[in-house]
């Protein structure tokens, strides 16, 4: 298992980690198989979305904030209930096909770490399963 260490800088943000993941694929010489990307945090997640236009990330965060606003009469007392809800909506893991040493992403796709209770120091775990 490999780990990416992520430092977030605001309460909510999407951080493009595509390049970091591809760097680990190259470093480890992973060729063909499935890469699991897992976030072991209850107020963060991981998602694949467009990485060509940064307004997409702003729109995603805006809509998630409408679905789970910071103040909504939550019972959980830590003040981060919205982060738990957003994390549940986005999800904590992805499986990505790796072919010929590269992620088989679409033309406009990138992998994003999703922070919903920052700023914090976070981890992303990666596990590669080879076809061979």
N, C-alpha and C. Protein backbone atom coordinates (compact mmCIF):
# COMPACT_ATOMS: atom_id res chain seq x y z
N UNK A 1 0.85 -1.19 0.00
CA UNK A 1 0.00 0.00 0.00
C UNK A 1 0.89 1.24 0.00
N UNK A 2 0.47 2.23 -0.77
CA UNK A 2 1.15 3.52 -0.80
C UNK A 2 0.22 4.57 -0.20
N UNK A 3 0.81 5.65 0.31
CA UNK A 3 0.03 6.71 0.94
C UNK A 3 0.42 8.06 0.35
N UNK A 4 -0.59 8.85 0.01
CA UNK A 4 -0.38 10.26 -0.33
C UNK A 4 -0.74 11.08 0.89
N UNK A 5 0.11 12.02 1.26
CA UNK A 5 -0.19 12.95 2.34
C UNK A 5 -0.70 14.24 1.71
N UNK A 6 -1.86 14.68 2.17
CA UNK A 6 -2.53 15.85 1.61
C UNK A 6 -2.70 16.88 2.72
N UNK A 7 -2.33 18.12 2.44
CA UNK A 7 -2.60 19.24 3.35
C UNK A 7 -3.68 20.09 2.71
N UNK A 8 -4.78 20.27 3.44
CA UNK A 8 -5.86 21.10 2.92
C UNK A 8 -5.78 22.48 3.56
N UNK A 9 -6.39 23.45 2.90
CA UNK A 9 -6.22 24.84 3.33
C UNK A 9 -7.52 25.57 3.65
N UNK A 10 -8.66 24.94 3.38
CA UNK A 10 -9.93 25.57 3.71
C UNK A 10 -10.94 24.52 4.15
N UNK A 11 -12.07 24.96 4.64
CA UNK A 11 -13.09 24.04 5.17
C UNK A 11 -13.52 23.04 4.12
N UNK A 12 -13.82 23.53 2.91
CA UNK A 12 -14.18 22.63 1.82
C UNK A 12 -13.32 22.97 0.61
N UNK A 13 -12.83 21.94 -0.04
CA UNK A 13 -12.07 22.14 -1.27
C UNK A 13 -11.90 20.81 -1.99
N UNK A 14 -11.70 20.92 -3.28
CA UNK A 14 -11.37 19.76 -4.10
C UNK A 14 -9.94 19.96 -4.59
N UNK A 15 -9.09 18.98 -4.32
CA UNK A 15 -7.68 19.06 -4.70
C UNK A 15 -7.40 18.00 -5.75
N UNK A 16 -6.90 18.43 -6.90
CA UNK A 16 -6.57 17.52 -7.99
C UNK A 16 -5.33 16.71 -7.59
N UNK A 17 -5.51 15.40 -7.43
CA UNK A 17 -4.39 14.52 -7.06
C UNK A 17 -4.02 13.57 -8.19
N UNK A 18 -4.51 13.84 -9.40
CA UNK A 18 -4.25 12.99 -10.55
C UNK A 18 -2.76 12.81 -10.78
N UNK A 19 -2.02 13.90 -10.80
CA UNK A 19 -0.58 13.84 -11.06
C UNK A 19 0.17 13.07 -9.99
N UNK A 20 -0.22 13.25 -8.74
CA UNK A 20 0.44 12.52 -7.65
C UNK A 20 0.21 11.02 -7.77
N UNK A 21 -1.03 10.65 -8.14
CA UNK A 21 -1.34 9.23 -8.31
C UNK A 21 -0.55 8.67 -9.49
N UNK A 22 -0.54 9.40 -10.61
CA UNK A 22 0.21 8.92 -11.77
C UNK A 22 1.69 8.79 -11.45
N UNK A 23 2.21 9.70 -10.62
CA UNK A 23 3.61 9.60 -10.19
C UNK A 23 3.89 8.31 -9.43
N UNK A 24 2.96 7.90 -8.57
CA UNK A 24 3.14 6.64 -7.84
C UNK A 24 3.03 5.44 -8.78
N UNK A 25 2.16 5.52 -9.77
CA UNK A 25 2.04 4.44 -10.75
C UNK A 25 3.37 4.27 -11.47
N UNK A 26 3.97 5.37 -11.89
CA UNK A 26 5.26 5.33 -12.59
C UNK A 26 6.37 4.84 -11.66
N UNK A 27 6.44 5.41 -10.46
CA UNK A 27 7.48 5.04 -9.49
C UNK A 27 7.45 3.54 -9.17
N UNK A 28 6.24 3.00 -9.00
CA UNK A 28 6.08 1.59 -8.65
C UNK A 28 6.04 0.64 -9.85
N UNK A 29 6.08 1.24 -11.05
CA UNK A 29 6.07 0.45 -12.29
C UNK A 29 4.83 -0.43 -12.41
N UNK A 30 3.69 0.13 -11.96
CA UNK A 30 2.43 -0.59 -12.10
C UNK A 30 2.00 -0.48 -13.56
N UNK A 31 1.64 -1.60 -14.17
CA UNK A 31 1.32 -1.61 -15.59
C UNK A 31 -0.16 -1.82 -15.89
N UNK A 32 -0.67 -2.99 -15.60
CA UNK A 32 -2.05 -3.34 -15.93
C UNK A 32 -2.74 -3.92 -14.71
N UNK A 33 -3.88 -3.33 -14.35
CA UNK A 33 -4.63 -3.82 -13.19
C UNK A 33 -5.63 -2.80 -12.72
N UNK A 34 -5.96 -2.88 -11.44
CA UNK A 34 -6.93 -1.97 -10.84
C UNK A 34 -6.29 -1.30 -9.63
N UNK A 35 -6.43 0.00 -9.57
CA UNK A 35 -5.92 0.79 -8.46
C UNK A 35 -7.10 1.23 -7.60
N UNK A 36 -7.06 0.86 -6.33
CA UNK A 36 -8.06 1.33 -5.38
C UNK A 36 -7.49 2.56 -4.67
N UNK A 37 -8.27 3.62 -4.66
CA UNK A 37 -7.91 4.87 -3.99
C UNK A 37 -8.90 5.01 -2.83
N UNK A 38 -8.39 5.05 -1.60
CA UNK A 38 -9.24 5.04 -0.41
C UNK A 38 -8.87 6.17 0.53
N UNK A 39 -9.90 6.86 1.04
CA UNK A 39 -9.70 7.96 1.99
C UNK A 39 -10.21 7.49 3.35
N UNK A 40 -9.30 7.35 4.36
CA UNK A 40 -9.69 6.84 5.67
C UNK A 40 -10.15 7.94 6.65
N UNK A 41 -11.00 8.82 6.16
CA UNK A 41 -11.48 9.93 6.99
C UNK A 41 -13.00 10.05 6.83
N UNK A 42 -13.70 10.41 7.89
CA UNK A 42 -15.16 10.47 7.84
C UNK A 42 -15.71 11.81 7.36
N UNK A 43 -14.85 12.79 7.17
CA UNK A 43 -15.30 14.09 6.65
C UNK A 43 -14.50 14.49 5.41
N UNK A 44 -14.11 13.49 4.64
CA UNK A 44 -13.39 13.73 3.38
C UNK A 44 -13.79 12.62 2.42
N UNK A 45 -13.40 12.78 1.18
CA UNK A 45 -13.74 11.77 0.19
C UNK A 45 -12.84 11.87 -1.02
N UNK A 46 -13.21 11.11 -2.05
CA UNK A 46 -12.46 11.12 -3.30
C UNK A 46 -13.45 10.94 -4.44
N UNK A 47 -13.21 11.65 -5.54
CA UNK A 47 -14.13 11.60 -6.67
C UNK A 47 -13.38 11.83 -7.97
N UNK A 48 -14.01 11.45 -9.06
CA UNK A 48 -13.49 11.73 -10.40
C UNK A 48 -14.43 12.73 -11.04
N UNK A 49 -13.85 13.79 -11.62
CA UNK A 49 -14.67 14.77 -12.30
C UNK A 49 -13.80 15.53 -13.29
N UNK A 50 -14.40 16.51 -13.95
CA UNK A 50 -13.68 17.28 -14.96
C UNK A 50 -12.53 18.06 -14.35
N UNK A 51 -11.38 18.04 -15.04
CA UNK A 51 -10.24 18.81 -14.54
C UNK A 51 -9.77 19.87 -15.54
N UNK A 52 -10.60 20.17 -16.54
CA UNK A 52 -10.23 21.19 -17.53
C UNK A 52 -10.70 22.59 -17.12
N UNK A 53 -11.84 22.68 -16.47
CA UNK A 53 -12.43 23.96 -16.10
C UNK A 53 -12.62 24.01 -14.59
N UNK A 54 -11.86 24.86 -13.88
CA UNK A 54 -11.95 24.93 -12.41
C UNK A 54 -13.32 25.34 -11.89
N UNK A 55 -14.16 25.92 -12.73
CA UNK A 55 -15.50 26.29 -12.26
C UNK A 55 -16.33 25.04 -11.94
N UNK A 56 -15.99 23.90 -12.51
CA UNK A 56 -16.71 22.67 -12.20
C UNK A 56 -16.53 22.33 -10.72
N UNK A 57 -15.32 22.43 -10.21
CA UNK A 57 -15.08 22.13 -8.80
C UNK A 57 -15.84 23.10 -7.90
N UNK A 58 -15.85 24.37 -8.26
CA UNK A 58 -16.60 25.36 -7.46
C UNK A 58 -18.10 25.04 -7.48
N UNK A 59 -18.60 24.64 -8.65
CA UNK A 59 -20.02 24.30 -8.76
C UNK A 59 -20.37 23.07 -7.91
N UNK A 60 -19.50 22.08 -7.93
CA UNK A 60 -19.74 20.86 -7.14
C UNK A 60 -19.79 21.21 -5.65
N UNK A 61 -18.81 21.97 -5.18
CA UNK A 61 -18.79 22.35 -3.77
C UNK A 61 -20.00 23.20 -3.39
N UNK A 62 -20.40 24.10 -4.29
CA UNK A 62 -21.57 24.95 -4.04
C UNK A 62 -22.83 24.11 -3.88
N UNK A 63 -23.02 23.14 -4.76
CA UNK A 63 -24.21 22.30 -4.69
C UNK A 63 -24.20 21.40 -3.46
N UNK A 64 -23.03 20.86 -3.11
CA UNK A 64 -22.93 20.04 -1.90
C UNK A 64 -23.26 20.88 -0.66
N UNK A 65 -22.86 22.15 -0.66
CA UNK A 65 -23.17 23.02 0.47
C UNK A 65 -24.66 23.33 0.56
N UNK A 66 -25.33 23.34 -0.58
CA UNK A 66 -26.79 23.52 -0.56
C UNK A 66 -27.47 22.27 -0.01
N UNK A 67 -26.95 21.09 -0.38
CA UNK A 67 -27.53 19.83 0.09
C UNK A 67 -27.27 19.60 1.58
N UNK A 68 -26.08 20.01 2.04
CA UNK A 68 -25.69 19.81 3.44
C UNK A 68 -25.04 21.10 3.95
N UNK A 69 -25.85 22.10 4.32
CA UNK A 69 -25.28 23.35 4.81
C UNK A 69 -24.60 23.18 6.17
N UNK A 70 -23.68 24.08 6.47
CA UNK A 70 -22.94 24.01 7.73
C UNK A 70 -23.89 24.02 8.92
N UNK A 71 -24.85 24.91 8.91
CA UNK A 71 -25.82 25.01 10.00
C UNK A 71 -27.17 24.48 9.52
N UNK A 72 -27.58 23.33 10.04
CA UNK A 72 -28.86 22.76 9.63
C UNK A 72 -29.53 22.02 10.78
N UNK A 73 -29.21 22.41 12.01
CA UNK A 73 -29.83 21.80 13.17
C UNK A 73 -29.39 20.37 13.42
N UNK A 74 -28.13 20.07 13.12
CA UNK A 74 -27.61 18.72 13.33
C UNK A 74 -27.52 18.40 14.81
N UNK A 75 -27.60 17.14 15.15
CA UNK A 75 -27.51 16.68 16.53
C UNK A 75 -26.05 16.48 16.95
N UNK A 76 -25.21 16.01 16.03
CA UNK A 76 -23.79 15.77 16.30
C UNK A 76 -23.15 17.07 16.79
N UNK A 77 -22.42 17.03 17.88
CA UNK A 77 -21.99 18.25 18.57
C UNK A 77 -20.64 18.82 18.14
N UNK A 78 -19.93 18.17 17.23
CA UNK A 78 -18.59 18.66 16.89
C UNK A 78 -18.58 19.79 15.87
N UNK A 79 -19.72 20.11 15.29
CA UNK A 79 -19.78 21.20 14.33
C UNK A 79 -19.33 20.83 12.93
N UNK A 80 -19.21 19.54 12.65
CA UNK A 80 -18.78 19.12 11.33
C UNK A 80 -19.74 18.11 10.68
N UNK A 81 -20.98 18.13 11.12
CA UNK A 81 -21.97 17.19 10.58
C UNK A 81 -22.14 17.34 9.08
N UNK A 82 -22.08 18.58 8.59
CA UNK A 82 -22.19 18.78 7.14
C UNK A 82 -21.07 18.03 6.41
N UNK A 83 -19.89 17.98 7.02
CA UNK A 83 -18.77 17.24 6.43
C UNK A 83 -19.03 15.75 6.35
N UNK A 84 -19.67 15.21 7.37
CA UNK A 84 -20.01 13.79 7.37
C UNK A 84 -21.02 13.48 6.26
N UNK A 85 -22.00 14.35 6.11
CA UNK A 85 -23.02 14.15 5.08
C UNK A 85 -22.38 14.25 3.68
N UNK A 86 -21.57 15.28 3.47
CA UNK A 86 -20.92 15.47 2.16
C UNK A 86 -20.01 14.30 1.84
N UNK A 87 -19.28 13.81 2.83
CA UNK A 87 -18.40 12.66 2.62
C UNK A 87 -19.21 11.43 2.21
N UNK A 88 -20.36 11.24 2.84
CA UNK A 88 -21.21 10.11 2.49
C UNK A 88 -21.74 10.24 1.06
N UNK A 89 -22.06 11.45 0.65
CA UNK A 89 -22.56 11.67 -0.71
C UNK A 89 -21.48 11.43 -1.76
N UNK A 90 -20.28 11.89 -1.49
CA UNK A 90 -19.18 11.77 -2.46
C UNK A 90 -18.58 10.37 -2.45
N UNK A 91 -18.40 9.80 -1.28
CA UNK A 91 -17.81 8.47 -1.17
C UNK A 91 -16.35 8.53 -0.78
N UNK A 92 -15.86 7.42 -0.24
CA UNK A 92 -14.49 7.39 0.29
C UNK A 92 -13.53 6.55 -0.55
N UNK A 93 -14.00 5.97 -1.66
CA UNK A 93 -13.07 5.16 -2.45
C UNK A 93 -13.45 5.14 -3.92
N UNK A 94 -12.44 4.83 -4.73
CA UNK A 94 -12.59 4.68 -6.18
C UNK A 94 -11.78 3.47 -6.61
N UNK A 95 -12.22 2.82 -7.68
CA UNK A 95 -11.40 1.84 -8.37
C UNK A 95 -11.11 2.41 -9.75
N UNK A 96 -9.84 2.45 -10.11
CA UNK A 96 -9.42 3.03 -11.38
C UNK A 96 -8.65 1.98 -12.16
N UNK A 97 -9.05 1.76 -13.40
CA UNK A 97 -8.33 0.83 -14.27
C UNK A 97 -6.99 1.46 -14.67
N UNK A 98 -5.94 0.67 -14.59
CA UNK A 98 -4.61 1.09 -15.04
C UNK A 98 -4.24 0.22 -16.23
N UNK A 99 -3.90 0.85 -17.35
CA UNK A 99 -3.49 0.14 -18.57
C UNK A 99 -2.18 0.74 -19.06
N UNK A 100 -1.22 -0.12 -19.33
CA UNK A 100 0.09 0.32 -19.85
C UNK A 100 0.71 1.43 -18.99
N UNK A 101 0.58 1.31 -17.68
CA UNK A 101 1.22 2.25 -16.77
C UNK A 101 0.53 3.59 -16.62
N UNK A 102 -0.73 3.69 -17.02
CA UNK A 102 -1.47 4.96 -16.89
C UNK A 102 -2.92 4.69 -16.51
N UNK A 103 -3.49 5.63 -15.77
CA UNK A 103 -4.91 5.52 -15.43
C UNK A 103 -5.74 5.65 -16.70
N UNK A 104 -6.75 4.83 -16.83
CA UNK A 104 -7.62 4.86 -18.01
C UNK A 104 -8.76 5.85 -17.77
N UNK A 105 -8.38 7.11 -17.58
CA UNK A 105 -9.35 8.17 -17.36
C UNK A 105 -9.80 8.75 -18.71
N UNK A 106 -10.98 9.35 -18.72
CA UNK A 106 -11.45 10.04 -19.92
C UNK A 106 -10.65 11.31 -20.14
N UNK A 107 -10.81 11.88 -21.32
CA UNK A 107 -10.04 13.06 -21.73
C UNK A 107 -10.06 14.18 -20.72
N UNK A 108 -11.22 14.45 -20.14
CA UNK A 108 -11.37 15.60 -19.25
C UNK A 108 -11.40 15.22 -17.78
N UNK A 109 -11.14 13.96 -17.45
CA UNK A 109 -11.27 13.51 -16.07
C UNK A 109 -10.00 13.68 -15.25
N UNK A 110 -10.20 13.98 -13.96
CA UNK A 110 -9.14 14.03 -12.99
C UNK A 110 -9.64 13.42 -11.69
N UNK A 111 -8.71 13.04 -10.82
CA UNK A 111 -9.05 12.47 -9.52
C UNK A 111 -8.89 13.57 -8.49
N UNK A 112 -9.93 13.75 -7.65
CA UNK A 112 -9.93 14.83 -6.67
C UNK A 112 -10.08 14.30 -5.25
N UNK A 113 -9.24 14.81 -4.37
CA UNK A 113 -9.44 14.64 -2.94
C UNK A 113 -10.45 15.69 -2.52
N UNK A 114 -11.47 15.29 -1.78
CA UNK A 114 -12.54 16.19 -1.36
C UNK A 114 -12.46 16.43 0.14
N UNK A 115 -12.17 17.66 0.52
CA UNK A 115 -12.10 18.06 1.94
C UNK A 115 -13.41 18.72 2.33
N UNK A 116 -13.97 18.28 3.48
CA UNK A 116 -15.22 18.84 3.95
C UNK A 116 -15.16 19.30 5.41
N UNK A 117 -13.97 19.28 6.03
CA UNK A 117 -13.83 19.72 7.42
C UNK A 117 -12.40 20.20 7.67
N UNK A 118 -11.92 21.02 6.77
CA UNK A 118 -10.54 21.46 6.87
C UNK A 118 -10.42 22.81 7.54
N UNK A 119 -9.20 23.31 7.54
CA UNK A 119 -7.99 22.68 6.99
C UNK A 119 -7.46 21.58 7.91
N UNK A 120 -6.88 20.57 7.26
CA UNK A 120 -6.36 19.41 7.98
C UNK A 120 -5.22 18.77 7.21
N UNK A 121 -4.53 17.86 7.90
CA UNK A 121 -3.58 16.96 7.25
C UNK A 121 -4.32 15.64 7.03
N UNK A 122 -4.30 15.16 5.79
CA UNK A 122 -5.08 13.97 5.43
C UNK A 122 -4.20 12.94 4.74
N UNK A 123 -4.74 11.76 4.61
CA UNK A 123 -4.05 10.67 3.92
C UNK A 123 -4.98 10.08 2.86
N UNK A 124 -4.37 9.63 1.77
CA UNK A 124 -5.07 8.88 0.74
C UNK A 124 -4.28 7.59 0.57
N UNK A 125 -4.95 6.46 0.71
CA UNK A 125 -4.30 5.16 0.58
C UNK A 125 -4.53 4.61 -0.82
N UNK A 126 -3.47 4.02 -1.39
CA UNK A 126 -3.56 3.44 -2.73
C UNK A 126 -3.10 1.99 -2.69
N UNK A 127 -3.88 1.13 -3.31
CA UNK A 127 -3.54 -0.30 -3.38
C UNK A 127 -3.73 -0.76 -4.82
N UNK A 128 -2.67 -1.31 -5.41
CA UNK A 128 -2.71 -1.76 -6.80
C UNK A 128 -2.82 -3.28 -6.85
N UNK A 129 -3.76 -3.76 -7.67
CA UNK A 129 -3.92 -5.18 -7.90
C UNK A 129 -3.62 -5.43 -9.38
N UNK A 130 -2.56 -6.16 -9.64
CA UNK A 130 -2.12 -6.43 -11.02
C UNK A 130 -2.96 -7.50 -11.69
N UNK A 131 -3.12 -7.38 -13.01
CA UNK A 131 -3.79 -8.41 -13.79
C UNK A 131 -2.95 -9.68 -13.89
N UNK A 132 -1.66 -9.53 -13.64
CA UNK A 132 -0.74 -10.66 -13.84
C UNK A 132 -0.34 -11.32 -12.56
